[in-house]
Every structure is written in C-alpha cells, then in structure tokens.
Amino acid sequence: MKGCDPSSAGSGLRANRLERVNDLKDKTLVIWMENGTTCFFERVKILKESANSITFEYFGVSTQTKREATFCKHKIAGYAIEI
C-alpha cells in the first residue's frame, strides 16, 4: 500500500494492538489520526490487520453504500470501539 512505510510502523500502533477489534460486527469505530482528523465509521463488519495497515468494511451513512477502508497504522493516534 502506498504511504504505509514499514520502517515508520513503530511510531504508531503496534502489530497486535487491534487484535481484539477483529470480532467487530455492526459496531461503531472512531479513529483519531496523528494530524488531528477524526474518522467515524458505522456498522463495521470486517477488520483485517497486517503489520502496517488495518482494513475493514463499513456502511457509509451519507452515501448509503457499503465501503472498504484501509489505514496505515503509523498514522493512527488512537481509536475507540463500541462495546
């Protein structure tokens, strides 16, 4: 994935920190980026994790469509999961 440099992965989330998120189904996920941007996702269905990125499917409320998103871990400051 372009922009997900493995050499900078240590500056963000570590490899297994999102492990418990893999069981998400119809949950809300909020991701805070290092640049201060907040990303809000509803109806998260799948979350896959690699050494440098996370990928998940969600429902886009404004477009009423199912989408897939991928984020580079080293650019994520934090996240919150609906429990």
C-alpha atoms as a PDB file:
ATOM      1  CA  MET A   1       0.000   0.000   0.000  1.00  0.00           C
ATOM      2  CA  LYS A   2       1.394   3.373  -0.960  1.00  0.00           C
ATOM      3  CA  GLY A   3       2.266   5.538   2.028  1.00  0.00           C
ATOM      4  CA  CYS A   4       2.396   2.707   4.580  1.00  0.00           C
ATOM      5  CA  ASP A   5       6.133   2.601   5.107  1.00  0.00           C
ATOM      6  CA  PRO A   6       7.016  -0.373   7.320  1.00  0.00           C
ATOM      7  CA  SER A   7      10.025   1.462   8.735  1.00  0.00           C
ATOM      8  CA  SER A   8       7.729   4.012  10.403  1.00  0.00           C
ATOM      9  CA  ALA A   9       5.224   1.497  11.797  1.00  0.00           C
ATOM     10  CA  GLY A  10       6.863   1.746  15.220  1.00  0.00           C
ATOM     11  CA  SER A  11       5.730   5.357  15.606  1.00  0.00           C
ATOM     12  CA  GLY A  12       2.044   4.360  15.688  1.00  0.00           C
ATOM     13  CA  LEU A  13       0.031   1.312  16.719  1.00  0.00           C
ATOM     14  CA  ARG A  14       1.953  -1.871  17.389  1.00  0.00           C
ATOM     15  CA  ALA A  15       1.225  -5.087  15.476  1.00  0.00           C
ATOM     16  CA  ASN A  16      -1.272  -6.688  17.882  1.00  0.00           C
ATOM     17  CA  ARG A  17      -2.973  -3.683  19.483  1.00  0.00           C
ATOM     18  CA  LEU A  18      -6.053  -4.011  17.271  1.00  0.00           C
ATOM     19  CA  GLU A  19      -6.304  -7.767  17.722  1.00  0.00           C
ATOM     20  CA  ARG A  20      -9.451  -7.591  19.855  1.00  0.00           C
ATOM     21  CA  VAL A  21     -11.165  -5.474  17.181  1.00  0.00           C
ATOM     22  CA  ASN A  22     -11.258  -8.455  14.807  1.00  0.00           C
ATOM     23  CA  ASP A  23     -14.566  -9.592  16.315  1.00  0.00           C
ATOM     24  CA  LEU A  24     -16.409  -6.368  15.453  1.00  0.00           C
ATOM     25  CA  LYS A  25     -19.825  -6.817  13.880  1.00  0.00           C
ATOM     26  CA  ASP A  26     -22.262  -3.923  13.442  1.00  0.00           C
ATOM     27  CA  LYS A  27     -20.196  -1.754  15.776  1.00  0.00           C
ATOM     28  CA  THR A  28     -19.099   1.859  15.638  1.00  0.00           C
ATOM     29  CA  LEU A  29     -15.383   2.596  15.177  1.00  0.00           C
ATOM     30  CA  VAL A  30     -13.746   6.001  15.706  1.00  0.00           C
ATOM     31  CA  ILE A  31     -10.144   6.560  14.560  1.00  0.00           C
ATOM     32  CA  TRP A  32      -8.074   9.601  15.554  1.00  0.00           C
ATOM     33  CA  MET A  33      -5.273  10.410  13.134  1.00  0.00           C
ATOM     34  CA  GLU A  34      -1.926  11.938  14.118  1.00  0.00           C
ATOM     35  CA  ASN A  35      -2.819  15.112  12.182  1.00  0.00           C
ATOM     36  CA  GLY A  36      -5.895  15.702  14.406  1.00  0.00           C
ATOM     37  CA  THR A  37      -8.520  14.344  11.997  1.00  0.00           C
ATOM     38  CA  THR A  38     -11.290  12.177  13.464  1.00  0.00           C
ATOM     39  CA  CYS A  39     -12.800   9.398  11.328  1.00  0.00           C
ATOM     40  CA  PHE A  40     -16.161   7.886  12.313  1.00  0.00           C
ATOM     41  CA  PHE A  41     -17.394   4.556  10.905  1.00  0.00           C
ATOM     42  CA  GLU A  42     -20.708   2.790  11.465  1.00  0.00           C
ATOM     43  CA  ARG A  43     -21.729  -0.825  11.016  1.00  0.00           C
ATOM     44  CA  VAL A  44     -18.164  -2.114  10.840  1.00  0.00           C
ATOM     45  CA  LYS A  45     -18.322  -5.698   9.581  1.00  0.00           C
ATOM     46  CA  ILE A  46     -14.775  -6.917   8.926  1.00  0.00           C
ATOM     47  CA  LEU A  47     -11.407  -5.766  10.189  1.00  0.00           C
ATOM     48  CA  LYS A  48      -8.187  -7.296   8.879  1.00  0.00           C
ATOM     49  CA  GLU A  49      -4.793  -6.381  10.220  1.00  0.00           C
ATOM     50  CA  SER A  50      -1.353  -6.598   8.646  1.00  0.00           C
ATOM     51  CA  ALA A  51       1.970  -5.453  10.027  1.00  0.00           C
ATOM     52  CA  ASN A  52       1.495  -1.935   8.606  1.00  0.00           C
ATOM     53  CA  SER A  53      -2.226  -1.387   7.978  1.00  0.00           C
ATOM     54  CA  ILE A  54      -5.788  -2.162   9.027  1.00  0.00           C
ATOM     55  CA  THR A  55      -8.617  -2.812   6.564  1.00  0.00           C
ATOM     56  CA  PHE A  56     -12.338  -3.021   7.326  1.00  0.00           C
ATOM     57  CA  GLU A  57     -15.750  -2.799   5.700  1.00  0.00           C
ATOM     58  CA  TYR A  58     -18.325  -0.282   6.910  1.00  0.00           C
ATOM     59  CA  PHE A  59     -21.605   1.317   5.885  1.00  0.00           C
ATOM     60  CA  GLY A  60     -21.325   4.875   4.538  1.00  0.00           C
ATOM     61  CA  VAL A  61     -24.278   6.711   6.077  1.00  0.00           C
ATOM     62  CA  SER A  62     -24.222   9.755   3.780  1.00  0.00           C
ATOM     63  CA  THR A  63     -23.885   7.660   0.604  1.00  0.00           C
ATOM     64  CA  GLN A  64     -25.934   4.677   1.832  1.00  0.00           C
ATOM     65  CA  THR A  65     -23.307   2.295   0.450  1.00  0.00           C
ATOM     66  CA  LYS A  66     -21.056  -0.436   1.784  1.00  0.00           C
ATOM     67  CA  ARG A  67     -17.386   0.570   1.592  1.00  0.00           C
ATOM     68  CA  GLU A  68     -13.925  -0.713   2.433  1.00  0.00           C
ATOM     69  CA  ALA A  69     -11.261   1.410   4.129  1.00  0.00           C
ATOM     70  CA  THR A  70      -7.551   0.876   4.740  1.00  0.00           C
ATOM     71  CA  PHE A  71      -5.479   2.922   7.186  1.00  0.00           C
ATOM     72  CA  CYS A  72      -1.719   2.952   7.759  1.00  0.00           C
ATOM     73  CA  LYS A  73      -1.078   2.142  11.416  1.00  0.00           C
ATOM     74  CA  HIS A  74       1.790   4.610  11.780  1.00  0.00           C
ATOM     75  CA  LYS A  75      -0.608   7.482  11.015  1.00  0.00           C
ATOM     76  CA  ILE A  76      -3.178   6.497  13.675  1.00  0.00           C
ATOM     77  CA  ALA A  77      -3.001   8.248  17.060  1.00  0.00           C
ATOM     78  CA  GLY A  78      -5.778   6.203  18.693  1.00  0.00           C
ATOM     79  CA  TYR A  79      -9.145   4.528  18.282  1.00  0.00           C
ATOM     80  CA  ALA A  80     -12.401   3.799  20.136  1.00  0.00           C
ATOM     81  CA  ILE A  81     -14.673   0.798  19.672  1.00  0.00           C
ATOM     82  CA  GLU A  82     -18.321   0.488  20.636  1.00  0.00           C
ATOM     83  CA  ILE A  83     -18.670  -2.196  23.325  1.00  0.00           C
END
